[in-house]
């Protein structure tokens, strides 16, 4: 697949799912994230819509950032490339064996959606310091981004590391 001037950057995200496994690093380098080790709490944090439980509703944070990317996809007339990327990340054949360990199957769709948006971000923005680039860095470091600490956009990403 070709993605214009950002092909190599987009393919880095595609190669990540082909050649790596989630939670495969044991020394998570902590840089401006909050780490948690309780998977059940991480899921609650990721999926909670109760503002009494969380500083910022994670789903809303991700949706707000995704809207910016999708808008650029249409502005730049990259809908065909977007469709190709969505198809690629939705096809299990493209993932390395045991990319996501079975114990974490509940977050499969979340991970696929995040990585699709990371690739789309690179398609329209290249490699810039922004929300989805930070998410991709978290995934590459072996963690699952599952929440936001603080009032968005101030604060930091909360990540789950087994």
Protein backbone atom coordinates (compact mmCIF):
# COMPACT_ATOMS: atom_id res chain seq x y z
CA UNK A 1 0.00 0.00 0.00
CA UNK A 2 1.13 3.51 -0.72
CA UNK A 3 0.37 6.45 1.51
CA UNK A 4 2.12 9.33 -0.21
CA UNK A 5 4.94 11.19 1.50
CA UNK A 6 4.14 9.53 4.84
CA UNK A 7 4.18 5.93 3.58
CA UNK A 8 7.18 4.92 5.70
CA UNK A 9 5.64 6.39 8.87
CA UNK A 10 2.28 4.70 8.29
CA UNK A 11 4.00 1.40 7.53
CA UNK A 12 5.84 1.59 10.86
CA UNK A 13 2.47 1.27 12.63
CA UNK A 14 1.47 -1.55 10.27
CA UNK A 15 4.77 -3.34 10.91
CA UNK A 16 4.24 -2.99 14.64
CA UNK A 17 1.20 -5.29 14.59
CA UNK A 18 2.90 -7.71 12.20
CA UNK A 19 6.13 -8.10 14.14
CA UNK A 20 5.50 -7.36 17.82
CA UNK A 21 3.41 -8.50 20.75
CA UNK A 22 1.56 -6.44 23.32
CA UNK A 23 2.99 -6.36 26.84
CA UNK A 24 6.26 -7.89 25.64
CA UNK A 25 8.61 -5.50 27.45
CA UNK A 26 9.47 -5.80 31.09
CA UNK A 27 11.23 -2.51 31.80
CA UNK A 28 8.68 0.11 30.90
CA UNK A 29 10.44 3.47 30.54
CA UNK A 30 8.30 5.96 32.39
CA UNK A 31 8.22 9.38 30.74
CA UNK A 32 5.30 11.66 31.46
CA UNK A 33 2.77 8.88 31.98
CA UNK A 34 1.16 7.34 35.02
CA UNK A 35 1.58 3.57 35.22
CA UNK A 36 -0.91 1.13 36.73
CA UNK A 37 -0.56 -2.62 37.07
CA UNK A 38 -4.14 -3.72 37.86
CA UNK A 39 -5.85 -4.78 34.62
CA UNK A 40 -9.35 -4.69 36.09
CA UNK A 41 -8.85 -1.11 37.29
CA UNK A 42 -7.33 -0.18 33.91
CA UNK A 43 -10.43 -1.48 32.13
CA UNK A 44 -12.72 0.42 34.48
CA UNK A 45 -10.71 3.57 33.89
CA UNK A 46 -10.75 3.11 30.10
CA UNK A 47 -14.47 2.48 29.84
CA UNK A 48 -15.92 4.61 32.62
CA UNK A 49 -18.19 7.46 31.61
CA UNK A 50 -18.65 8.58 35.21
CA UNK A 51 -16.85 11.87 35.80
CA UNK A 52 -16.93 11.11 39.53
CA UNK A 53 -14.64 8.12 38.89
CA UNK A 54 -12.24 9.63 36.36
CA UNK A 55 -10.59 13.00 35.74
CA UNK A 56 -11.42 12.85 32.03
CA UNK A 57 -13.61 10.31 30.22
CA UNK A 58 -11.05 8.44 28.10
CA UNK A 59 -13.50 7.66 25.32
CA UNK A 60 -14.30 11.37 24.94
CA UNK A 61 -10.62 12.35 24.92
CA UNK A 62 -9.89 9.84 22.14
CA UNK A 63 -13.00 10.84 20.19
CA UNK A 64 -12.07 14.51 20.32
CA UNK A 65 -8.61 13.76 18.96
CA UNK A 66 -9.92 11.33 16.33
CA UNK A 67 -12.30 13.96 14.98
CA UNK A 68 -9.34 16.18 14.10
CA UNK A 69 -7.72 13.39 12.13
CA UNK A 70 -10.87 12.35 10.27
CA UNK A 71 -11.52 15.96 9.33
CA UNK A 72 -8.03 16.16 7.80
CA UNK A 73 -8.56 12.86 5.97
CA UNK A 74 -11.53 14.42 4.17
CA UNK A 75 -9.85 17.79 3.67
CA UNK A 76 -6.84 16.08 2.06
CA UNK A 77 -9.01 13.66 0.04
CA UNK A 78 -7.44 10.57 1.65
CA UNK A 79 -10.64 8.58 2.17
CA UNK A 80 -9.42 5.64 0.04
CA UNK A 81 -6.23 5.37 2.11
CA UNK A 82 -8.31 5.64 5.30
CA UNK A 83 -10.51 2.76 4.14
CA UNK A 84 -7.43 0.67 3.29
CA UNK A 85 -5.99 1.27 6.76
CA UNK A 86 -9.26 0.46 8.52
CA UNK A 87 -9.49 -2.80 6.55
CA UNK A 88 -5.86 -3.62 7.34
CA UNK A 89 -6.17 -3.10 11.09
CA UNK A 90 -9.50 -4.95 11.26
CA UNK A 91 -8.07 -8.08 9.62
CA UNK A 92 -6.63 -10.53 12.20
CA UNK A 93 -4.39 -12.04 9.49
CA UNK A 94 -2.21 -8.93 9.67
CA UNK A 95 -1.35 -9.38 13.35
CA UNK A 96 1.55 -11.42 14.65
CA UNK A 97 0.63 -14.65 16.40
CA UNK A 98 -0.49 -13.85 19.92
CA UNK A 99 -0.12 -10.10 19.30
CA UNK A 100 -2.56 -9.62 22.15
CA UNK A 101 -2.36 -12.37 24.79
CA UNK A 102 -5.66 -14.20 25.28
CA UNK A 103 -6.01 -12.89 28.86
CA UNK A 104 -6.42 -9.42 27.35
CA UNK A 105 -8.93 -10.25 24.60
CA UNK A 106 -11.43 -7.81 26.16
CA UNK A 107 -9.37 -4.86 24.92
CA UNK A 108 -8.86 -6.19 21.39
CA UNK A 109 -11.21 -3.72 19.68
CA UNK A 110 -9.81 -0.84 21.72
CA UNK A 111 -6.24 -1.68 20.70
CA UNK A 112 -7.19 -2.11 17.03
CA UNK A 113 -9.02 1.22 17.05
CA UNK A 114 -6.13 3.03 18.72
CA UNK A 115 -3.55 1.68 16.30
CA UNK A 116 -5.77 2.46 13.31
CA UNK A 117 -5.98 6.06 14.51
CA UNK A 118 -2.20 6.13 15.07
CA UNK A 119 -1.68 5.12 11.43
CA UNK A 120 -4.26 7.63 10.19
CA UNK A 121 -2.60 10.32 12.29
CA UNK A 122 0.69 9.63 10.57
CA UNK A 123 -1.04 9.58 7.18
CA UNK A 124 -2.34 13.15 7.61
CA UNK A 125 0.18 14.69 10.02
CA UNK A 126 3.43 12.83 9.46
CA UNK A 127 5.44 12.34 12.63
CA UNK A 128 4.45 15.22 14.87
CA UNK A 129 4.29 15.46 18.63
CA UNK A 130 0.56 15.00 19.22
CA UNK A 131 -1.90 12.79 21.08
CA UNK A 132 -1.92 9.80 18.72
CA UNK A 133 1.84 9.85 18.28
CA UNK A 134 2.12 9.63 22.08
CA UNK A 135 -0.31 6.69 22.06
CA UNK A 136 1.82 4.90 19.48
CA UNK A 137 4.94 5.47 21.57
CA UNK A 138 3.13 3.96 24.58
CA UNK A 139 2.17 0.89 22.56
CA UNK A 140 5.72 0.49 21.25
CA UNK A 141 7.00 0.65 24.83
CA UNK A 142 4.81 -2.31 25.77
CA UNK A 143 1.83 -0.71 27.51
CA UNK A 144 -1.87 -0.10 26.95
CA UNK A 145 -3.02 3.55 27.16
CA UNK A 146 -6.19 3.39 29.25
CA UNK A 147 -6.98 6.82 30.65
CA UNK A 148 -6.11 10.42 31.31
CA UNK A 149 -4.99 11.92 34.61
CA UNK A 150 -6.00 15.55 35.02
CA UNK A 151 -8.31 17.77 33.06
CA UNK A 152 -7.70 17.27 29.35
CA UNK A 153 -5.52 18.49 27.66
CA UNK A 154 -3.47 19.29 30.79
CA UNK A 155 -2.29 16.15 32.51
CA UNK A 156 -0.90 12.89 31.23
CA UNK A 157 -1.79 9.51 29.81
CA UNK A 158 -2.44 6.62 32.21
CA UNK A 159 -1.06 3.31 30.97
CA UNK A 160 -1.49 -0.30 31.99
CA UNK A 161 1.62 -2.46 32.22
CA UNK A 162 1.30 -6.06 33.49
